[in-house]
Amino acid sequence: MTDEPNDTPRAPRSKSGFIRAKRDPNKPRTPPRPQPTEEERAASAERRRVREEAILRKQTDTSKFVTPERPFPTIGWSGGTDARDVTGRYHLCTTCGGLKADDCGMLHWGHDACRCDGWPDDEPLDDYEARMPCMLCRACGLAITRGHHRWRFLVCYPCRGRLATFNGQVGRKVLPQGIHSLVNGGPLLEVSRRPTKEQYDEFAGELNAMFKGVSGFHDWGARLVLDRLRQFGFTEGQLIPVEDYLDACRNGGIDESTGWQLLEQAWFDDV
């Protein structure tokens, strides 16, 4: 069988080899989508804001955990804004003020150990970050913040607004909200060009100041918890349910504002 020449014209192809569709000249072009007006943009932004606020209210609503048997549940803040009822999961060490748990029930949940258990000095950084325990809020000492991650917060969600107000009153970030520089809003070093020695020194100075702030704030929160434990008669060497400590605080008239009053007195009376 002989091959007969095929004179049928081939469809045009692009450089990549795909056949390009030929547009029908009689078919009208699709009109461009009209641009939204300023009023439509504002209405869309308002709908998005209302939707985001509704989601945030649902995440931060702690009243859903309240029962007649437990009017003050143990609240854990997982992922920054996600409130969880972690009643019965934690014990509090009366020696160091740290939390212990077999299953913390948080995001990236894990085993929590207090300082008294001791941590190896040569532990790899990833393992160290994964084992960083959950802790009581460093400001109010009445809620638990999630651990086991470098993006963890030092304060619970309700205290984050108070922290921003406090730093605004001081005029600079004296209280960090997390342990990582990005969680605290910097500092950042521009790498698009070679930084100068002065820029390196400024960057290092800001980082060192943040690290000192994290360490100081962490120690402040631990002392706050230990002072309350001694005030309510809990001696060293005990491991108590964290609910016993929280109940003693509530019965002793301590609420979320008490810790902030002490912080303000300590800071503004010393400056």
C-alpha atoms as a PDB file:
ATOM      1  CA  MET A   1       0.000   0.000   0.000  1.00  0.00           C
ATOM      2  CA  THR A   2       1.447   3.322  -1.045  1.00  0.00           C
ATOM      3  CA  ASP A   3       1.190   6.419   1.072  1.00  0.00           C
ATOM      4  CA  GLU A   4      -0.790   9.104  -0.627  1.00  0.00           C
ATOM      5  CA  PRO A   5       0.205  12.687   0.048  1.00  0.00           C
ATOM      6  CA  ASN A   6      -2.080  14.445   2.555  1.00  0.00           C
ATOM      7  CA  ASP A   7      -2.706  17.973   1.419  1.00  0.00           C
ATOM      8  CA  THR A   8      -4.946  18.817   4.417  1.00  0.00           C
ATOM      9  CA  PRO A   9      -3.502  21.918   6.120  1.00  0.00           C
ATOM     10  CA  ARG A  10      -2.318  21.332   9.639  1.00  0.00           C
ATOM     11  CA  ALA A  11      -3.700  23.306  12.540  1.00  0.00           C
ATOM     12  CA  PRO A  12      -1.323  25.986  13.767  1.00  0.00           C
ATOM     13  CA  ARG A  13       0.767  24.963  16.759  1.00  0.00           C
ATOM     14  CA  SER A  14       2.420  26.989  19.465  1.00  0.00           C
ATOM     15  CA  LYS A  15       6.098  26.687  20.299  1.00  0.00           C
ATOM     16  CA  SER A  16       5.255  24.192  23.033  1.00  0.00           C
ATOM     17  CA  GLY A  17       3.551  21.903  20.503  1.00  0.00           C
ATOM     18  CA  PHE A  18      -0.052  22.462  21.583  1.00  0.00           C
ATOM     19  CA  ILE A  19      -2.660  23.125  18.910  1.00  0.00           C
ATOM     20  CA  ARG A  20      -3.847  26.693  19.050  1.00  0.00           C
ATOM     21  CA  ALA A  21      -7.581  27.091  18.745  1.00  0.00           C
ATOM     22  CA  LYS A  22      -8.631  29.415  16.004  1.00  0.00           C
ATOM     23  CA  ARG A  23     -10.982  32.104  17.216  1.00  0.00           C
ATOM     24  CA  ASP A  24     -14.229  32.537  15.387  1.00  0.00           C
ATOM     25  CA  PRO A  25     -14.184  36.117  14.088  1.00  0.00           C
ATOM     26  CA  ASN A  26     -17.988  36.209  14.164  1.00  0.00           C
ATOM     27  CA  LYS A  27     -18.136  35.307  17.873  1.00  0.00           C
ATOM     28  CA  PRO A  28     -18.263  38.376  20.066  1.00  0.00           C
ATOM     29  CA  ARG A  29     -15.475  38.785  22.596  1.00  0.00           C
ATOM     30  CA  THR A  30     -16.278  38.310  26.263  1.00  0.00           C
ATOM     31  CA  PRO A  31     -16.692  41.748  27.758  1.00  0.00           C
ATOM     32  CA  PRO A  32     -14.234  42.586  30.560  1.00  0.00           C
ATOM     33  CA  ARG A  33     -15.502  42.178  34.101  1.00  0.00           C
ATOM     34  CA  PRO A  34     -16.549  45.539  35.476  1.00  0.00           C
ATOM     35  CA  GLN A  35     -14.371  46.842  38.290  1.00  0.00           C
ATOM     36  CA  PRO A  36     -16.125  47.143  41.675  1.00  0.00           C
ATOM     37  CA  THR A  37     -16.919  50.596  42.917  1.00  0.00           C
ATOM     38  CA  GLU A  38     -15.572  52.019  46.158  1.00  0.00           C
ATOM     39  CA  GLU A  39     -18.912  51.314  47.835  1.00  0.00           C
ATOM     40  CA  GLU A  40     -18.830  47.678  46.693  1.00  0.00           C
ATOM     41  CA  ARG A  41     -15.237  47.281  47.906  1.00  0.00           C
ATOM     42  CA  ALA A  42     -16.180  48.739  51.283  1.00  0.00           C
ATOM     43  CA  ALA A  43     -19.226  46.454  51.573  1.00  0.00           C
ATOM     44  CA  SER A  44     -17.092  43.404  50.694  1.00  0.00           C
ATOM     45  CA  ALA A  45     -14.474  44.367  53.278  1.00  0.00           C
ATOM     46  CA  GLU A  46     -17.184  44.830  55.906  1.00  0.00           C
ATOM     47  CA  ARG A  47     -18.661  41.399  55.176  1.00  0.00           C
ATOM     48  CA  ARG A  48     -15.205  39.852  55.454  1.00  0.00           C
ATOM     49  CA  ARG A  49     -14.569  41.654  58.765  1.00  0.00           C
ATOM     50  CA  VAL A  50     -17.903  40.476  60.224  1.00  0.00           C
ATOM     51  CA  ARG A  51     -17.193  36.912  59.097  1.00  0.00           C
ATOM     52  CA  GLU A  52     -13.691  36.927  60.624  1.00  0.00           C
ATOM     53  CA  GLU A  53     -14.989  38.380  63.888  1.00  0.00           C
ATOM     54  CA  ALA A  54     -17.657  35.667  64.075  1.00  0.00           C
ATOM     55  CA  ILE A  55     -14.999  32.991  63.604  1.00  0.00           C
ATOM     56  CA  LEU A  56     -12.810  34.598  66.268  1.00  0.00           C
ATOM     57  CA  ARG A  57     -15.712  34.831  68.732  1.00  0.00           C
ATOM     58  CA  LYS A  58     -16.429  31.144  68.206  1.00  0.00           C
ATOM     59  CA  GLN A  59     -12.790  30.232  68.750  1.00  0.00           C
ATOM     60  CA  THR A  60     -12.370  32.365  71.868  1.00  0.00           C
ATOM     61  CA  ASP A  61     -15.739  31.635  73.488  1.00  0.00           C
ATOM     62  CA  THR A  62     -14.953  30.027  76.855  1.00  0.00           C
ATOM     63  CA  SER A  63     -18.545  30.062  78.128  1.00  0.00           C
ATOM     64  CA  LYS A  64     -19.215  26.816  76.246  1.00  0.00           C
ATOM     65  CA  PHE A  65     -16.980  25.033  78.777  1.00  0.00           C
ATOM     66  CA  VAL A  66     -18.868  26.319  81.833  1.00  0.00           C
ATOM     67  CA  THR A  67     -21.034  23.781  83.671  1.00  0.00           C
ATOM     68  CA  PRO A  68     -22.800  23.929  87.050  1.00  0.00           C
ATOM     69  CA  GLU A  69     -20.201  21.495  88.376  1.00  0.00           C
ATOM     70  CA  ARG A  70     -17.291  23.440  86.903  1.00  0.00           C
ATOM     71  CA  PRO A  71     -18.079  27.184  86.649  1.00  0.00           C
ATOM     72  CA  PHE A  72     -14.350  27.920  86.219  1.00  0.00           C
ATOM     73  CA  PRO A  73     -12.952  25.359  83.756  1.00  0.00           C
ATOM     74  CA  THR A  74      -9.252  25.110  83.078  1.00  0.00           C
ATOM     75  CA  ILE A  75      -8.824  26.969  79.780  1.00  0.00           C
ATOM     76  CA  GLY A  76      -5.976  26.151  77.427  1.00  0.00           C
ATOM     77  CA  TRP A  77      -5.151  28.423  74.492  1.00  0.00           C
ATOM     78  CA  SER A  78      -4.004  26.285  71.594  1.00  0.00           C
ATOM     79  CA  GLY A  79      -2.758  27.908  68.418  1.00  0.00           C
ATOM     80  CA  GLY A  80      -3.056  31.443  69.810  1.00  0.00           C
ATOM     81  CA  THR A  81      -6.848  31.921  69.569  1.00  0.00           C
ATOM     82  CA  ASP A  82      -8.298  28.429  69.956  1.00  0.00           C
ATOM     83  CA  ALA A  83      -9.785  27.974  73.443  1.00  0.00           C
ATOM     84  CA  ARG A  84      -9.985  24.439  74.806  1.00  0.00           C
ATOM     85  CA  ASP A  85     -11.218  22.897  78.018  1.00  0.00           C
ATOM     86  CA  VAL A  86      -8.211  21.029  79.434  1.00  0.00           C
ATOM     87  CA  THR A  87      -9.692  20.354  82.868  1.00  0.00           C
ATOM     88  CA  GLY A  88      -8.088  17.342  84.535  1.00  0.00           C
ATOM     89  CA  ARG A  89      -5.093  17.098  82.200  1.00  0.00           C
ATOM     90  CA  TYR A  90      -2.435  19.046  84.120  1.00  0.00           C
ATOM     91  CA  HIS A  91      -0.624  18.907  87.445  1.00  0.00           C
ATOM     92  CA  LEU A  92       1.286  21.827  88.920  1.00  0.00           C
ATOM     93  CA  CYS A  93       4.702  21.449  90.549  1.00  0.00           C
ATOM     94  CA  THR A  94       4.799  23.508  93.758  1.00  0.00           C
ATOM     95  CA  THR A  95       8.620  23.628  93.648  1.00  0.00           C
ATOM     96  CA  CYS A  96       9.221  25.296  90.279  1.00  0.00           C
ATOM     97  CA  GLY A  97       5.692  26.368  89.273  1.00  0.00           C
ATOM     98  CA  GLY A  98       5.805  24.321  86.075  1.00  0.00           C
ATOM     99  CA  LEU A  99       3.108  22.128  84.559  1.00  0.00           C
ATOM    100  CA  LYS A 100       3.229  18.393  84.002  1.00  0.00           C
ATOM    101  CA  ALA A 101       0.942  16.335  81.789  1.00  0.00           C
ATOM    102  CA  ASP A 102       0.945  12.954  80.068  1.00  0.00           C
ATOM    103  CA  ASP A 103      -1.290  14.271  77.276  1.00  0.00           C
ATOM    104  CA  CYS A 104      -1.716  18.032  77.270  1.00  0.00           C
ATOM    105  CA  GLY A 105      -4.631  18.013  74.804  1.00  0.00           C
ATOM    106  CA  MET A 106      -3.301  20.997  72.867  1.00  0.00           C
ATOM    107  CA  LEU A 107      -2.344  21.457  69.243  1.00  0.00           C
ATOM    108  CA  HIS A 108       0.973  19.596  68.785  1.00  0.00           C
ATOM    109  CA  TRP A 109       0.057  17.818  72.002  1.00  0.00           C
ATOM    110  CA  GLY A 110       2.693  15.977  73.940  1.00  0.00           C
ATOM    111  CA  HIS A 111       4.159  15.059  77.294  1.00  0.00           C
ATOM    112  CA  ASP A 112       4.864  18.019  79.569  1.00  0.00           C
ATOM    113  CA  ALA A 113       7.684  17.982  82.126  1.00  0.00           C
ATOM    114  CA  CYS A 114       8.584  20.731  84.601  1.00  0.00           C
ATOM    115  CA  ARG A 115      12.032  22.157  85.321  1.00  0.00           C
ATOM    116  CA  CYS A 116      12.524  19.801  88.255  1.00  0.00           C
ATOM    117  CA  ASP A 117      12.713  16.840  85.863  1.00  0.00           C
ATOM    118  CA  GLY A 118      15.839  18.280  84.244  1.00  0.00           C
ATOM    119  CA  TRP A 119      16.543  18.634  80.514  1.00  0.00           C
ATOM    120  CA  PRO A 120      19.737  17.475  78.783  1.00  0.00           C
ATOM    121  CA  ASP A 121      22.062  20.323  77.779  1.00  0.00           C
ATOM    122  CA  ASP A 122      23.106  18.656  74.511  1.00  0.00           C
ATOM    123  CA  GLU A 123      19.569  18.067  73.238  1.00  0.00           C
ATOM    124  CA  PRO A 124      19.072  18.910  69.518  1.00  0.00           C
ATOM    125  CA  LEU A 125      17.175  22.158  68.911  1.00  0.00           C
ATOM    126  CA  ASP A 126      14.224  20.472  67.155  1.00  0.00           C
ATOM    127  CA  ASP A 127      13.788  18.023  70.038  1.00  0.00           C
ATOM    128  CA  TYR A 128      14.088  20.853  72.558  1.00  0.00           C
ATOM    129  CA  GLU A 129      11.405  22.906  70.834  1.00  0.00           C
ATOM    130  CA  ALA A 130       9.099  19.889  70.575  1.00  0.00           C
ATOM    131  CA  ARG A 131       9.459  19.256  74.311  1.00  0.00           C
ATOM    132  CA  MET A 132       8.938  22.847  75.482  1.00  0.00           C
ATOM    133  CA  PRO A 133       6.084  22.385  77.938  1.00  0.00           C
ATOM    134  CA  CYS A 134       2.799  24.185  78.097  1.00  0.00           C
ATOM    135  CA  MET A 135       2.757  26.799  80.832  1.00  0.00           C
ATOM    136  CA  LEU A 136       0.507  29.077  82.793  1.00  0.00           C
ATOM    137  CA  CYS A 137       0.160  32.533  81.251  1.00  0.00           C
ATOM    138  CA  ARG A 138       3.149  34.627  82.304  1.00  0.00           C
ATOM    139  CA  ALA A 139       0.913  37.650  82.941  1.00  0.00           C
ATOM    140  CA  CYS A 140      -2.286  36.473  84.644  1.00  0.00           C
ATOM    141  CA  GLY A 141      -1.225  32.973  85.729  1.00  0.00           C
ATOM    142  CA  LEU A 142      -4.778  31.677  85.320  1.00  0.00           C
ATOM    143  CA  ALA A 143      -4.844  30.156  81.814  1.00  0.00           C
ATOM    144  CA  ILE A 144      -2.592  27.700  80.021  1.00  0.00           C
ATOM    145  CA  THR A 145      -0.715  28.488  76.825  1.00  0.00           C
ATOM    146  CA  ARG A 146       0.306  25.823  74.307  1.00  0.00           C
ATOM    147  CA  GLY A 147       3.889  24.574  74.193  1.00  0.00           C
ATOM    148  CA  HIS A 148       5.799  22.138  71.969  1.00  0.00           C
ATOM    149  CA  HIS A 149       6.512  24.698  69.251  1.00  0.00           C
ATOM    150  CA  ARG A 150       8.785  27.660  68.518  1.00  0.00           C
ATOM    151  CA  TRP A 151       5.785  29.850  67.670  1.00  0.00           C
ATOM    152  CA  ARG A 152       4.344  29.520  71.155  1.00  0.00           C
ATOM    153  CA  PHE A 153       2.962  32.472  73.106  1.00  0.00           C
ATOM    154  CA  LEU A 154       3.956  33.461  76.621  1.00  0.00           C
ATOM    155  CA  VAL A 155       0.521  34.912  77.359  1.00  0.00           C
ATOM    156  CA  CYS A 156      -3.025  33.676  76.839  1.00  0.00           C
ATOM    157  CA  TYR A 157      -5.219  35.242  74.179  1.00  0.00           C
ATOM    158  CA  PRO A 158      -7.159  37.632  76.498  1.00  0.00           C
ATOM    159  CA  CYS A 159      -3.845  38.963  77.856  1.00  0.00           C
ATOM    160  CA  ARG A 160      -2.398  39.715  74.418  1.00  0.00           C
ATOM    161  CA  GLY A 161      -4.529  42.850  74.126  1.00  0.00           C
ATOM    162  CA  ARG A 162      -3.440  44.005  77.587  1.00  0.00           C
ATOM    163  CA  LEU A 163       0.188  43.323  76.623  1.00  0.00           C
ATOM    164  CA  ALA A 164      -0.063  45.552  73.554  1.00  0.00           C
ATOM    165  CA  THR A 165      -1.579  48.315  75.697  1.00  0.00           C
ATOM    166  CA  PHE A 166       1.155  47.925  78.312  1.00  0.00           C
ATOM    167  CA  ASN A 167       3.952  48.153  75.723  1.00  0.00           C
ATOM    168  CA  GLY A 168       2.223  51.191  74.228  1.00  0.00           C
ATOM    169  CA  GLN A 169       2.216  52.923  77.599  1.00  0.00           C
ATOM    170  CA  VAL A 170       5.923  52.228  78.052  1.00  0.00           C
ATOM    171  CA  GLY A 171       6.731  53.309  74.504  1.00  0.00           C
ATOM    172  CA  ARG A 172       8.575  50.163  73.427  1.00  0.00           C
ATOM    173  CA  LYS A 173       8.213  46.379  73.501  1.00  0.00           C
ATOM    174  CA  VAL A 174       9.317  45.525  77.027  1.00  0.00           C
ATOM    175  CA  LEU A 175       7.053  42.489  77.349  1.00  0.00           C
ATOM    176  CA  PRO A 176       7.309  39.906  74.539  1.00  0.00           C
ATOM    177  CA  GLN A 177       4.214  37.935  73.562  1.00  0.00           C
ATOM    178  CA  GLY A 178       6.192  34.914  72.349  1.00  0.00           C
ATOM    179  CA  ILE A 179       9.623  33.323  72.379  1.00  0.00           C
ATOM    180  CA  HIS A 180      10.426  33.817  68.676  1.00  0.00           C
ATOM    181  CA  SER A 181      11.417  37.141  67.128  1.00  0.00           C
ATOM    182  CA  LEU A 182       8.828  36.788  64.332  1.00  0.00           C
ATOM    183  CA  VAL A 183       6.043  36.258  66.880  1.00  0.00           C
ATOM    184  CA  ASN A 184       7.166  39.486  68.532  1.00  0.00           C
ATOM    185  CA  GLY A 185       7.214  41.447  65.275  1.00  0.00           C
ATOM    186  CA  GLY A 186      10.930  41.525  64.495  1.00  0.00           C
ATOM    187  CA  PRO A 187      13.693  42.484  64.330  1.00  0.00           C
ATOM    188  CA  LEU A 188      14.423  41.654  60.692  1.00  0.00           C
ATOM    189  CA  LEU A 189      17.657  42.001  58.758  1.00  0.00           C
ATOM    190  CA  GLU A 190      17.408  42.959  55.080  1.00  0.00           C
ATOM    191  CA  VAL A 191      19.311  40.432  52.982  1.00  0.00           C
ATOM    192  CA  SER A 192      18.748  41.946  49.539  1.00  0.00           C
ATOM    193  CA  ARG A 193      21.993  43.825  50.037  1.00  0.00           C
ATOM    194  CA  ARG A 194      25.052  43.201  52.191  1.00  0.00           C
ATOM    195  CA  PRO A 195      24.306  44.644  55.647  1.00  0.00           C
ATOM    196  CA  THR A 196      26.789  47.040  57.166  1.00  0.00           C
ATOM    197  CA  LYS A 197      28.495  46.459  60.510  1.00  0.00           C
ATOM    198  CA  GLU A 198      26.228  49.069  62.080  1.00  0.00           C
ATOM    199  CA  GLN A 199      23.152  47.192  60.832  1.00  0.00           C
ATOM    200  CA  TYR A 200      24.535  43.924  62.194  1.00  0.00           C
ATOM    201  CA  ASP A 201      25.200  45.531  65.568  1.00  0.00           C
ATOM    202  CA  GLU A 202      21.710  47.056  65.699  1.00  0.00           C
ATOM    203  CA  PHE A 203      20.137  43.731  64.742  1.00  0.00           C
ATOM    204  CA  ALA A 204      22.128  41.858  67.390  1.00  0.00           C
ATOM    205  CA  GLY A 205      21.269  44.454  70.017  1.00  0.00           C
ATOM    206  CA  GLU A 206      17.547  44.159  69.343  1.00  0.00           C
ATOM    207  CA  LEU A 207      17.725  40.355  69.429  1.00  0.00           C
ATOM    208  CA  ASN A 208      19.625  40.336  72.714  1.00  0.00           C
ATOM    209  CA  ALA A 209      17.108  42.751  74.216  1.00  0.00           C
ATOM    210  CA  MET A 210      14.257  40.478  73.097  1.00  0.00           C
ATOM    211  CA  PHE A 211      15.965  37.378  74.545  1.00  0.00           C
ATOM    212  CA  LYS A 212      16.434  39.150  77.877  1.00  0.00           C
ATOM    213  CA  GLY A 213      12.785  40.191  77.778  1.00  0.00           C
ATOM    214  CA  VAL A 214      11.645  36.611  77.124  1.00  0.00           C
ATOM    215  CA  SER A 215      13.788  35.258  79.959  1.00  0.00           C
ATOM    216  CA  GLY A 216      12.736  37.987  82.380  1.00  0.00           C
ATOM    217  CA  PHE A 217       9.037  37.649  81.555  1.00  0.00           C
ATOM    218  CA  HIS A 218       9.205  33.868  81.908  1.00  0.00           C
ATOM    219  CA  ASP A 219      10.868  34.162  85.332  1.00  0.00           C
ATOM    220  CA  TRP A 220       8.312  36.779  86.398  1.00  0.00           C
ATOM    221  CA  GLY A 221       5.434  34.435  85.566  1.00  0.00           C
ATOM    222  CA  ALA A 222       7.038  31.557  87.449  1.00  0.00           C
ATOM    223  CA  ARG A 223       7.564  33.725  90.551  1.00  0.00           C
ATOM    224  CA  LEU A 224       3.957  34.922  90.296  1.00  0.00           C
ATOM    225  CA  VAL A 225       2.658  31.348  90.430  1.00  0.00           C
ATOM    226  CA  LEU A 226       5.037  30.334  93.242  1.00  0.00           C
ATOM    227  CA  ASP A 227       4.098  33.362  95.356  1.00  0.00           C
ATOM    228  CA  ARG A 228       0.419  32.443  95.032  1.00  0.00           C
ATOM    229  CA  LEU A 229       1.117  28.819  95.913  1.00  0.00           C
ATOM    230  CA  ARG A 230       2.881  29.876  99.122  1.00  0.00           C
ATOM    231  CA  GLN A 231       0.131  32.400  99.873  1.00  0.00           C
ATOM    232  CA  PHE A 232      -2.482  29.632  99.767  1.00  0.00           C
ATOM    233  CA  GLY A 233      -0.451  27.164 101.831  1.00  0.00           C
ATOM    234  CA  PHE A 234       0.994  24.879  99.142  1.00  0.00           C
ATOM    235  CA  THR A 235       4.495  23.851 100.244  1.00  0.00           C
ATOM    236  CA  GLU A 236       7.388  22.701  98.076  1.00  0.00           C
ATOM    237  CA  GLY A 237       7.689  19.137  96.892  1.00  0.00           C
ATOM    238  CA  GLN A 238       4.046  18.619  95.911  1.00  0.00           C
ATOM    239  CA  LEU A 239       2.410  17.821  92.604  1.00  0.00           C
ATOM    240  CA  ILE A 240      -1.173  19.092  92.718  1.00  0.00           C
ATOM    241  CA  PRO A 241      -3.957  19.234  90.134  1.00  0.00           C
ATOM    242  CA  VAL A 242      -3.809  22.652  88.515  1.00  0.00           C
ATOM    243  CA  GLU A 243      -7.508  23.025  89.359  1.00  0.00           C
ATOM    244  CA  ASP A 244      -6.608  23.139  93.083  1.00  0.00           C
ATOM    245  CA  TYR A 245      -4.377  26.143  92.410  1.00  0.00           C
ATOM    246  CA  LEU A 246      -6.960  27.857  90.193  1.00  0.00           C
ATOM    247  CA  ASP A 247      -9.746  27.302  92.733  1.00  0.00           C
ATOM    248  CA  ALA A 248      -7.556  28.787  95.487  1.00  0.00           C
ATOM    249  CA  CYS A 249      -6.910  31.847  93.299  1.00  0.00           C
ATOM    250  CA  ARG A 250     -10.612  32.347  92.559  1.00  0.00           C
ATOM    251  CA  ASN A 251     -11.564  31.918  96.217  1.00  0.00           C
ATOM    252  CA  GLY A 252      -8.796  34.329  97.200  1.00  0.00           C
ATOM    253  CA  GLY A 253     -10.163  37.084  94.963  1.00  0.00           C
ATOM    254  CA  ILE A 254      -7.526  36.764  92.233  1.00  0.00           C
ATOM    255  CA  ASP A 255      -8.746  37.353  88.681  1.00  0.00           C
ATOM    256  CA  GLU A 256      -7.212  38.125  85.289  1.00  0.00           C
ATOM    257  CA  SER A 257      -6.477  41.753  86.199  1.00  0.00           C
ATOM    258  CA  THR A 258      -4.515  40.975  89.373  1.00  0.00           C
ATOM    259  CA  GLY A 259      -1.346  39.924  87.584  1.00  0.00           C
ATOM    260  CA  TRP A 260      -1.417  43.005  85.379  1.00  0.00           C
ATOM    261  CA  GLN A 261      -1.786  45.275  88.383  1.00  0.00           C
ATOM    262  CA  LEU A 262       1.370  43.741  89.846  1.00  0.00           C
ATOM    263  CA  LEU A 263       3.204  44.158  86.528  1.00  0.00           C
ATOM    264  CA  GLU A 264       2.244  47.819  86.288  1.00  0.00           C
ATOM    265  CA  GLN A 265       3.260  48.485  89.882  1.00  0.00           C
ATOM    266  CA  ALA A 266       6.600  46.726  89.430  1.00  0.00           C
ATOM    267  CA  TRP A 267       7.398  48.547  86.186  1.00  0.00           C
ATOM    268  CA  PHE A 268       6.120  52.070  86.718  1.00  0.00           C
ATOM    269  CA  ASP A 269       7.211  52.246  90.367  1.00  0.00           C
ATOM    270  CA  ASP A 270      10.788  51.336  89.389  1.00  0.00           C
ATOM    271  CA  VAL A 271      11.158  53.713  86.422  1.00  0.00           C
END
